[in-house]
């Protein structure tokens, strides 16, 4: 209320108020004589319906400011009926003037008094309506009620301040655009236009349904990247599958351009059809790429490393001091580099108990044995040790396409596929974990960042 009062009493609004009041009083802006707001029910209904196009909160604020009745109605409950009564009794009428001409004995006087009353009430109504439109336009531009409050109802046929003024010109003056041209001549402009994106509800209740059109994903990209204007190219509303495919195509192209890993196998169809694993994969990869320290704080990894290192095993005692020193060495590096180093050490300190050597976050994970070791460490009942090979084999690629694994001869990638499939199958039983490594090639490993995010 205080901010709105300051705006209403600002020099710009004072100039606009003076222009509107003098224009109406002098007759330069006037309703046609047959559009009497007192006796013409059709005009009353049209103006009431037009004014109710504004959303309830904005309309209440505008009426309180323009009619100056806040102190008397500060506890008024906002309902369509109460606003409609307020418009009828205060905006399209002037109780003090009506009482002066009728003396409280009738609704309307007769003879010349009826004409004079009609003229005065029409001047009052036109002045207040124009002030209401101009003030609400300025208040919305200043975001007095917050950024996300729509000025007009979603079901309204008018979506801009200019359309409201043009409707008043057509319905009350019989001339299209008269008010807009007159106000602009005196430097009074209205700017607000409510776009479909302004009315879009970004809350999510169901991932399989609410992400289909790509708009919410585009909003997520803007919030995470801070420099993308992808929402401006979204097609809204998405009434057809074709439009949804176009939006999702833009979203996926943008994510890949921003360097989000592990989404090359995701298509627009996956999201539109509500494919849960691919949706979770996309969300996890995106959020992890932009907010990895928030999802996986370095301090949390360090605490887990210390906990494991404190376990009284021969391997951990040997690696304990080396582990803690490694975390300290990376404190001054970037957050991603620090997380990668800590994850590497976390993997090493666990996998060493299974005689699985982990030297990096790429090659050491391609055969699936390291994954199986991590799963068994935290969920031994989910993946018993006897189901995967406890010792990382030496795998060498030979020209014939056959890999030598220990003393046995397997086709290239057979051993790797066995343990990877085993790891992915058991992890899926935990629930809520998307498949992030569907395309691992043991001889062409992915980049380190893909493994860190996965």
Protein backbone atom coordinates (compact mmCIF):
# COMPACT_ATOMS: atom_id res chain seq x y z
CA UNK A 1 0.00 0.00 0.00
CA UNK A 2 2.74 2.50 0.95
CA UNK A 3 4.68 1.82 -2.25
CA UNK A 4 1.50 2.17 -4.28
CA UNK A 5 0.71 5.52 -2.63
CA UNK A 6 4.20 6.77 -3.44
CA UNK A 7 3.72 5.76 -7.07
CA UNK A 8 0.27 7.39 -7.25
CA UNK A 9 1.71 10.64 -5.85
CA UNK A 10 4.84 10.58 -8.03
CA UNK A 11 5.37 13.51 -10.44
CA UNK A 12 4.63 11.31 -13.48
CA UNK A 13 1.34 10.06 -12.07
CA UNK A 14 0.35 13.53 -10.88
CA UNK A 15 0.84 14.82 -14.43
CA UNK A 16 -1.20 11.92 -15.82
CA UNK A 17 -3.97 12.51 -13.26
CA UNK A 18 -4.12 16.20 -14.13
CA UNK A 19 -4.29 15.49 -17.87
CA UNK A 20 -7.07 12.91 -17.49
CA UNK A 21 -9.14 15.02 -15.08
CA UNK A 22 -8.93 18.20 -17.18
CA UNK A 23 -9.58 16.31 -20.44
CA UNK A 24 -12.74 14.73 -19.04
CA UNK A 25 -13.92 17.93 -17.33
CA UNK A 26 -13.45 19.98 -20.49
CA UNK A 27 -15.25 17.39 -22.61
CA UNK A 28 -12.29 16.46 -24.78
CA UNK A 29 -12.81 12.95 -23.48
CA UNK A 30 -16.47 12.14 -22.90
CA UNK A 31 -18.91 9.27 -23.15
CA UNK A 32 -21.69 9.46 -25.70
CA UNK A 33 -24.97 10.76 -24.32
CA UNK A 34 -26.75 7.46 -24.99
CA UNK A 35 -24.14 5.51 -22.96
CA UNK A 36 -25.41 6.66 -19.55
CA UNK A 37 -23.76 4.51 -16.86
CA UNK A 38 -26.65 5.07 -14.47
CA UNK A 39 -29.57 4.02 -16.65
CA UNK A 40 -27.92 1.96 -19.40
CA UNK A 41 -27.60 -1.55 -18.01
CA UNK A 42 -25.72 -2.79 -21.07
CA UNK A 43 -22.97 -0.19 -20.58
CA UNK A 44 -22.73 -1.03 -16.89
CA UNK A 45 -22.32 -4.73 -17.60
CA UNK A 46 -19.71 -4.18 -20.33
CA UNK A 47 -17.60 -1.86 -18.17
CA UNK A 48 -17.91 -4.12 -15.12
CA UNK A 49 -16.90 -7.17 -17.16
CA UNK A 50 -13.96 -5.26 -18.65
CA UNK A 51 -12.68 -4.07 -15.28
CA UNK A 52 -13.04 -7.55 -13.80
CA UNK A 53 -10.55 -8.70 -16.44
CA UNK A 54 -7.90 -7.60 -13.96
CA UNK A 55 -6.79 -10.18 -11.43
CA UNK A 56 -8.35 -9.76 -7.98
CA UNK A 57 -5.24 -8.63 -6.10
CA UNK A 58 -4.26 -6.04 -8.68
CA UNK A 59 -7.83 -4.78 -9.02
CA UNK A 60 -8.28 -4.40 -5.28
CA UNK A 61 -5.02 -2.44 -5.04
CA UNK A 62 -6.02 -0.21 -7.94
CA UNK A 63 -9.49 0.51 -6.58
CA UNK A 64 -8.12 1.26 -3.11
CA UNK A 65 -5.63 3.77 -4.51
CA UNK A 66 -7.85 5.43 -7.11
CA UNK A 67 -10.95 5.61 -4.89
CA UNK A 68 -8.98 6.26 -1.67
CA UNK A 69 -11.01 3.95 0.54
CA UNK A 70 -8.24 1.74 2.00
CA UNK A 71 -8.79 2.70 5.65
CA UNK A 72 -12.49 1.86 5.46
CA UNK A 73 -12.05 -1.50 3.68
CA UNK A 74 -8.68 -2.85 4.79
CA UNK A 75 -10.29 -6.00 6.14
CA UNK A 76 -12.46 -6.60 3.08
CA UNK A 77 -12.27 -10.13 1.76
CA UNK A 78 -11.27 -10.26 -1.89
CA UNK A 79 -14.06 -11.95 -3.83
CA UNK A 80 -15.45 -11.39 -7.27
CA UNK A 81 -18.78 -10.38 -5.76
CA UNK A 82 -17.24 -7.80 -3.41
CA UNK A 83 -15.18 -6.30 -6.25
CA UNK A 84 -18.24 -6.22 -8.49
CA UNK A 85 -20.23 -4.36 -5.83
CA UNK A 86 -17.35 -1.92 -5.35
CA UNK A 87 -17.20 -1.21 -9.07
CA UNK A 88 -20.96 -0.67 -9.25
CA UNK A 89 -21.25 1.52 -6.15
CA UNK A 90 -18.02 3.50 -6.20
CA UNK A 91 -16.46 3.39 -9.65
CA UNK A 92 -19.51 3.59 -11.95
CA UNK A 93 -21.37 5.79 -9.52
CA UNK A 94 -20.66 8.56 -7.02
CA UNK A 95 -22.72 8.13 -3.83
CA UNK A 96 -22.26 11.70 -2.57
CA UNK A 97 -23.37 13.19 -5.89
CA UNK A 98 -26.36 10.85 -6.19
CA UNK A 99 -27.42 11.74 -2.64
CA UNK A 100 -27.14 15.44 -3.43
CA UNK A 101 -29.51 15.16 -6.39
CA UNK A 102 -31.95 12.62 -4.95
CA UNK A 103 -31.95 13.59 -1.29
CA UNK A 104 -32.16 9.89 -0.51
CA UNK A 105 -35.80 9.74 -1.58
CA UNK A 106 -35.33 7.99 -4.93
CA UNK A 107 -32.72 6.28 -7.10
CA UNK A 108 -32.70 8.90 -9.86
CA UNK A 109 -34.16 12.42 -10.02
CA UNK A 110 -36.34 13.64 -12.87
CA UNK A 111 -36.13 16.37 -15.47
CA UNK A 112 -33.00 18.48 -15.73
CA UNK A 113 -31.63 17.05 -12.49
CA UNK A 114 -31.53 13.60 -14.07
CA UNK A 115 -29.48 14.93 -16.98
CA UNK A 116 -27.07 16.82 -14.74
CA UNK A 117 -26.62 13.81 -12.48
CA UNK A 118 -25.96 11.58 -15.48
CA UNK A 119 -23.30 13.94 -16.83
CA UNK A 120 -21.53 14.24 -13.48
CA UNK A 121 -21.57 10.50 -12.81
CA UNK A 122 -20.25 9.81 -16.33
CA UNK A 123 -17.39 12.25 -15.79
CA UNK A 124 -16.59 10.60 -12.47
CA UNK A 125 -16.73 7.08 -13.92
CA UNK A 126 -14.62 7.87 -16.98
CA UNK A 127 -12.00 9.72 -14.93
CA UNK A 128 -11.65 6.97 -12.35
CA UNK A 129 -11.58 4.17 -14.93
CA UNK A 130 -8.83 5.86 -16.94
CA UNK A 131 -6.85 6.57 -13.77
CA UNK A 132 -7.28 2.93 -12.77
CA UNK A 133 -5.92 1.66 -16.09
CA UNK A 134 -2.95 4.03 -16.16
CA UNK A 135 -2.08 3.42 -12.51
CA UNK A 136 -2.27 -0.37 -12.75
CA UNK A 137 -0.09 -0.31 -15.87
CA UNK A 138 2.56 1.71 -14.03
CA UNK A 139 2.25 -0.43 -10.89
CA UNK A 140 2.74 -3.61 -12.88
CA UNK A 141 5.81 -2.18 -14.59
CA UNK A 142 7.18 -1.36 -11.11
CA UNK A 143 6.26 -4.89 -9.92
CA UNK A 144 4.61 -3.59 -6.78
CA UNK A 145 2.91 -6.91 -6.06
CA UNK A 146 5.86 -9.03 -7.07
CA UNK A 147 7.35 -10.30 -10.30
CA UNK A 148 5.05 -13.26 -10.90
CA UNK A 149 1.65 -11.70 -10.28
CA UNK A 150 -0.32 -11.55 -13.55
CA UNK A 151 -2.13 -8.25 -14.11
CA UNK A 152 -5.01 -9.86 -16.00
CA UNK A 153 -6.96 -13.03 -15.34
CA UNK A 154 -5.87 -15.99 -17.43
CA UNK A 155 -9.44 -16.38 -18.70
CA UNK A 156 -9.73 -12.74 -19.69
CA UNK A 157 -10.19 -11.78 -23.34
CA UNK A 158 -8.00 -8.68 -22.93
CA UNK A 159 -4.31 -9.09 -22.16
CA UNK A 160 -2.91 -5.55 -22.31
CA UNK A 161 -3.59 -2.09 -20.92
CA UNK A 162 -3.93 -0.77 -24.46
CA UNK A 163 -6.73 -3.25 -25.19
CA UNK A 164 -8.61 -2.05 -22.11
CA UNK A 165 -8.44 1.58 -23.29
CA UNK A 166 -9.51 0.60 -26.80
CA UNK A 167 -12.49 -1.32 -25.42
CA UNK A 168 -13.57 1.72 -23.41
CA UNK A 169 -13.29 3.87 -26.54
CA UNK A 170 -15.41 1.46 -28.56
CA UNK A 171 -18.06 0.72 -25.93
CA UNK A 172 -18.47 4.17 -24.40
CA UNK A 173 -17.44 6.64 -27.09
CA UNK A 174 -18.22 4.83 -30.30
CA UNK A 175 -14.78 5.69 -31.68
CA UNK A 176 -12.00 3.08 -31.76
CA UNK A 177 -8.65 4.17 -30.33
CA UNK A 178 -9.75 7.67 -29.35
CA UNK A 179 -8.55 7.46 -25.74
CA UNK A 180 -5.16 5.95 -26.62
CA UNK A 181 -4.41 8.64 -29.20
CA UNK A 182 -5.50 11.43 -26.88
CA UNK A 183 -3.41 10.22 -23.94
CA UNK A 184 -0.34 9.63 -26.09
CA UNK A 185 -0.63 13.17 -27.41
CA UNK A 186 -0.08 14.32 -23.82
CA UNK A 187 2.75 11.89 -23.14
CA UNK A 188 0.74 9.25 -21.30
CA UNK A 189 1.62 5.75 -22.51
CA UNK A 190 0.63 2.30 -21.36
CA UNK A 191 3.06 -0.54 -21.91
CA UNK A 192 2.05 -3.77 -20.25
CA UNK A 193 1.22 -6.77 -22.42
CA UNK A 194 0.53 -10.13 -20.75
CA UNK A 195 2.08 -12.94 -22.78
CA UNK A 196 1.23 -16.67 -22.54
CA UNK A 197 4.57 -17.19 -20.80
CA UNK A 198 3.50 -14.80 -18.02
CA UNK A 199 0.51 -17.03 -17.33
CA UNK A 200 2.44 -20.29 -17.42
CA UNK A 201 2.40 -22.34 -14.22
CA UNK A 202 5.93 -23.62 -13.66
CA UNK A 203 5.22 -25.84 -10.65
CA UNK A 204 5.69 -29.58 -11.23
CA UNK A 205 3.44 -32.30 -9.86
CA UNK A 206 4.21 -35.16 -12.24
CA UNK A 207 7.53 -35.50 -14.08
CA UNK A 208 6.02 -37.74 -16.75
CA UNK A 209 3.35 -35.15 -17.62
CA UNK A 210 4.60 -31.69 -16.70
CA UNK A 211 7.87 -31.77 -18.69
CA UNK A 212 6.34 -32.81 -22.01
CA UNK A 213 6.16 -29.35 -23.56
CA UNK A 214 9.76 -28.43 -22.68
CA UNK A 215 8.85 -25.07 -21.13
CA UNK A 216 9.64 -26.04 -17.55
CA UNK A 217 12.93 -27.56 -18.67
CA UNK A 218 13.74 -24.32 -20.48
CA UNK A 219 13.04 -22.40 -17.29
CA UNK A 220 15.36 -24.76 -15.41
CA UNK A 221 18.12 -24.10 -17.95
CA UNK A 222 17.74 -20.33 -17.53
CA UNK A 223 17.89 -20.58 -13.74
CA UNK A 224 20.95 -22.84 -13.77
CA UNK A 225 22.96 -21.22 -16.56
CA UNK A 226 22.07 -17.59 -15.72
CA UNK A 227 22.75 -16.48 -19.31
CA UNK A 228 20.34 -18.38 -21.53
CA UNK A 229 17.28 -16.79 -23.12
CA UNK A 230 15.80 -20.09 -24.24
CA UNK A 231 12.34 -19.28 -22.84
CA UNK A 232 11.90 -16.52 -25.41
CA UNK A 233 11.92 -19.06 -28.27
CA UNK A 234 9.54 -21.56 -26.65
CA UNK A 235 6.23 -22.15 -28.43
CA UNK A 236 3.31 -21.56 -26.04
CA UNK A 237 0.73 -23.00 -25.85
CA UNK A 238 1.82 -26.40 -27.11
CA UNK A 239 -1.46 -27.74 -28.47
CA UNK A 240 0.12 -30.40 -30.69
CA UNK A 241 2.82 -33.04 -30.44
CA UNK A 242 4.73 -31.27 -33.20
CA UNK A 243 5.08 -28.11 -31.11
CA UNK A 244 6.21 -30.15 -28.12
CA UNK A 245 8.85 -31.83 -30.28
CA UNK A 246 10.08 -28.44 -31.46
CA UNK A 247 10.41 -27.17 -27.88
CA UNK A 248 12.15 -30.32 -26.67
CA UNK A 249 14.51 -30.20 -29.64
CA UNK A 250 15.56 -26.67 -28.64
CA UNK A 251 16.00 -27.74 -25.01
CA UNK A 252 18.19 -30.74 -25.83
CA UNK A 253 20.25 -28.76 -28.34
CA UNK A 254 20.82 -26.03 -25.76
CA UNK A 255 21.87 -28.50 -23.06
CA UNK A 256 24.35 -30.20 -25.38
CA UNK A 257 25.69 -26.81 -26.42
CA UNK A 258 26.24 -25.96 -22.74
CA UNK A 259 28.31 -29.12 -22.34
CA UNK A 260 25.91 -31.26 -20.27
CA UNK A 261 27.26 -34.85 -20.52
CA UNK A 262 25.49 -38.23 -20.66
CA UNK A 263 22.43 -37.04 -22.61
CA UNK A 264 23.44 -38.00 -26.15
CA UNK A 265 21.06 -40.98 -26.10
CA UNK A 266 18.04 -38.91 -24.97
CA UNK A 267 15.54 -37.82 -27.62
CA UNK A 268 12.50 -35.55 -27.60
CA UNK A 269 10.27 -38.60 -27.80
CA UNK A 270 11.61 -39.94 -24.50
CA UNK A 271 10.48 -36.82 -22.62
CA UNK A 272 7.19 -36.34 -24.46
CA UNK A 273 6.21 -39.99 -23.90
CA UNK A 274 7.08 -39.77 -20.19
CA UNK A 275 10.02 -42.21 -20.25
CA UNK A 276 10.92 -42.12 -16.56
CA UNK A 277 14.54 -43.37 -16.68
CA UNK A 278 15.45 -40.92 -19.46
CA UNK A 279 13.71 -38.03 -17.68
CA UNK A 280 15.62 -38.74 -14.47
CA UNK A 281 18.82 -39.10 -16.46
CA UNK A 282 18.29 -35.71 -18.10
CA UNK A 283 17.46 -33.95 -14.83
CA UNK A 284 20.35 -35.49 -12.90
CA UNK A 285 22.88 -34.78 -15.63
CA UNK A 286 21.73 -31.16 -15.97
CA UNK A 287 21.58 -30.31 -12.28
CA UNK A 288 24.88 -32.07 -11.59
CA UNK A 289 26.59 -30.28 -14.47
CA UNK A 290 25.61 -26.81 -13.22
CA UNK A 291 25.38 -27.40 -9.47
CA UNK A 292 27.66 -30.33 -8.70
CA UNK A 293 29.04 -28.78 -5.45
CA UNK A 294 25.47 -28.30 -4.20
CA UNK A 295 24.43 -31.84 -5.09
CA UNK A 296 27.66 -33.37 -3.81
CA UNK A 297 29.41 -31.03 -1.33
CA UNK A 298 33.18 -31.67 -1.06
CA UNK A 299 32.91 -31.66 2.74
CA UNK A 300 30.52 -34.60 2.59
CA UNK A 301 32.92 -36.64 0.46
CA UNK A 302 35.78 -35.78 2.80
CA UNK A 303 33.83 -36.96 5.84
CA UNK A 304 33.02 -40.24 4.10
CA UNK A 305 36.67 -40.76 3.13
CA UNK A 306 37.77 -40.16 6.69
CA UNK A 307 35.13 -42.56 7.98
CA UNK A 308 36.26 -45.31 5.63
CA UNK A 309 39.93 -44.56 6.29
CA UNK A 310 39.36 -44.95 10.01
CA UNK A 311 38.20 -48.53 9.55
CA UNK A 312 40.91 -50.82 10.93
CA UNK A 313 41.97 -52.63 7.78
CA UNK A 314 45.45 -53.09 6.46
CA UNK A 315 44.73 -51.32 3.17
CA UNK A 316 43.08 -48.31 4.81
CA UNK A 317 45.83 -47.83 7.37
CA UNK A 318 48.31 -47.80 4.52
CA UNK A 319 46.32 -45.21 2.53
CA UNK A 320 44.94 -43.10 5.37
CA UNK A 321 47.49 -40.29 5.49
CA UNK A 322 47.82 -40.20 1.73
CA UNK A 323 44.04 -39.79 1.49
CA UNK A 324 43.83 -36.88 3.90
CA UNK A 325 46.79 -35.16 2.28
CA UNK A 326 45.19 -35.45 -1.15
CA UNK A 327 42.06 -33.62 0.03
CA UNK A 328 44.18 -30.82 1.49
CA UNK A 329 46.19 -30.44 -1.74
CA UNK A 330 43.06 -29.74 -3.74
CA UNK A 331 41.49 -27.19 -1.40
CA UNK A 332 42.88 -24.32 -3.46
CA UNK A 333 41.76 -25.72 -6.83
CA UNK A 334 38.42 -25.26 -8.54
CA UNK A 335 35.34 -26.92 -7.08
CA UNK A 336 35.00 -29.45 -9.89
CA UNK A 337 38.68 -30.45 -9.74
CA UNK A 338 38.41 -30.82 -5.98
CA UNK A 339 35.30 -33.00 -6.21
CA UNK A 340 36.89 -35.14 -8.92
CA UNK A 341 40.02 -35.69 -6.79
CA UNK A 342 37.94 -36.56 -3.73
CA UNK A 343 35.73 -38.97 -5.68
CA UNK A 344 38.82 -40.66 -7.08
CA UNK A 345 40.23 -41.15 -3.61
CA UNK A 346 36.86 -42.34 -2.30
CA UNK A 347 36.75 -44.93 -5.08
CA UNK A 348 40.34 -46.01 -4.47
CA UNK A 349 39.95 -46.49 -0.74
CA UNK A 350 36.88 -48.70 -1.27
CA UNK A 351 38.01 -50.64 -4.33
CA UNK A 352 41.41 -51.48 -2.85
CA UNK A 353 39.61 -53.78 -0.45
CA UNK A 354 38.54 -55.83 -3.48
CA UNK A 355 41.98 -55.73 -5.13
CA UNK A 356 40.56 -53.46 -7.82
CA UNK A 357 43.00 -50.74 -8.79
CA UNK A 358 41.46 -47.35 -9.50
CA UNK A 359 43.89 -44.97 -11.15
CA UNK A 360 41.48 -42.50 -12.75
CA UNK A 361 37.78 -41.82 -13.27
CA UNK A 362 37.78 -43.04 -16.87
CA UNK A 363 39.64 -46.23 -17.76
CA UNK A 364 39.37 -47.76 -14.29
CA UNK A 365 35.58 -47.82 -14.46
CA UNK A 366 35.01 -49.10 -18.00
CA UNK A 367 34.91 -52.82 -17.12
CA UNK A 368 32.24 -52.45 -14.43
CA UNK A 369 34.25 -54.14 -11.68
CA UNK A 370 34.82 -50.90 -9.79
CA UNK A 371 31.10 -50.14 -9.92
CA UNK A 372 30.32 -53.60 -8.54
CA UNK A 373 32.84 -53.05 -5.74
CA UNK A 374 31.23 -49.75 -4.72
CA UNK A 375 27.77 -51.31 -4.74
CA UNK A 376 28.88 -54.29 -2.64
CA UNK A 377 30.61 -52.02 -0.10
CA UNK A 378 27.40 -50.14 0.70
CA UNK A 379 24.83 -52.85 -0.16
CA UNK A 380 26.48 -56.26 0.31
CA UNK A 381 23.11 -58.03 0.29
CA UNK A 382 22.16 -56.40 -3.00
CA UNK A 383 25.28 -57.57 -4.81
CA UNK A 384 27.20 -60.43 -3.13
CA UNK A 385 30.94 -60.44 -3.73
CA UNK A 386 30.91 -63.89 -5.30
CA UNK A 387 28.78 -62.63 -8.21
CA UNK A 388 31.48 -60.42 -9.65
CA UNK A 389 35.18 -60.99 -10.13
CA UNK A 390 37.08 -59.68 -7.15
CA UNK A 391 40.27 -58.96 -9.05
CA UNK A 392 40.39 -56.53 -11.91
CA UNK A 393 41.55 -58.54 -14.99
CA UNK A 394 44.17 -57.44 -17.44
CA UNK A 395 42.30 -56.72 -20.66
CA UNK A 396 44.25 -56.15 -23.86
CA UNK A 397 42.76 -55.41 -27.25
CA UNK A 398 44.23 -57.51 -30.05
CA UNK A 399 43.86 -57.26 -33.78
CA UNK A 400 41.50 -60.23 -34.06
CA UNK A 401 38.93 -58.52 -31.86
CA UNK A 402 39.48 -61.00 -29.01
CA UNK A 403 40.50 -59.91 -25.51
CA UNK A 404 42.70 -61.98 -23.21
CA UNK A 405 41.27 -61.99 -19.67
CA UNK A 406 43.53 -63.84 -17.28
CA UNK A 407 43.85 -67.32 -18.68
CA UNK A 408 40.50 -67.33 -20.47
CA UNK A 409 39.69 -66.06 -23.91
CA UNK A 410 36.55 -63.91 -24.27
CA UNK A 411 35.21 -61.79 -27.06
CA UNK A 412 36.15 -58.14 -26.80
CA UNK A 413 33.87 -56.38 -24.33
CA UNK A 414 32.18 -59.57 -23.07
CA UNK A 415 33.69 -59.33 -19.58
CA UNK A 416 33.01 -55.64 -19.43
CA UNK A 417 29.39 -56.01 -20.49
CA UNK A 418 28.89 -58.75 -17.90
CA UNK A 419 29.94 -56.63 -14.92
CA UNK A 420 28.41 -53.41 -16.24
CA UNK A 421 25.09 -55.14 -16.79
CA UNK A 422 25.32 -56.64 -13.33
CA UNK A 423 26.04 -53.26 -11.72
CA UNK A 424 23.30 -51.43 -13.62
CA UNK A 425 20.76 -54.16 -12.91
CA UNK A 426 21.39 -54.12 -9.17
CA UNK A 427 21.46 -50.32 -8.94
CA UNK A 428 18.08 -50.16 -10.65
CA UNK A 429 16.63 -52.18 -7.75
CA UNK A 430 17.48 -49.35 -5.37
CA UNK A 431 14.88 -47.19 -7.13
CA UNK A 432 15.06 -43.61 -8.38
CA UNK A 433 18.52 -43.92 -9.94
CA UNK A 434 18.58 -43.29 -13.70
CA UNK A 435 20.75 -45.28 -16.10
CA UNK A 436 23.64 -42.96 -16.82
CA UNK A 437 26.19 -45.26 -18.43
CA UNK A 438 24.21 -47.01 -21.14
CA UNK A 439 26.85 -46.43 -23.80
CA UNK A 440 30.21 -47.23 -22.17
CA UNK A 441 32.79 -48.58 -24.59
CA UNK A 442 35.61 -50.33 -22.65
CA UNK A 443 38.15 -49.41 -25.34
CA UNK A 444 36.84 -45.85 -25.86
CA UNK A 445 36.01 -44.55 -22.37
CA UNK A 446 34.05 -41.34 -21.83
CA UNK A 447 35.49 -38.14 -20.49
CA UNK A 448 36.23 -37.85 -16.78
CA UNK A 449 33.44 -35.33 -16.27
CA UNK A 450 30.84 -37.83 -17.46
CA UNK A 451 31.94 -40.29 -14.77
CA UNK A 452 32.03 -37.62 -12.06
CA UNK A 453 28.48 -36.50 -12.81
CA UNK A 454 27.27 -40.07 -13.20
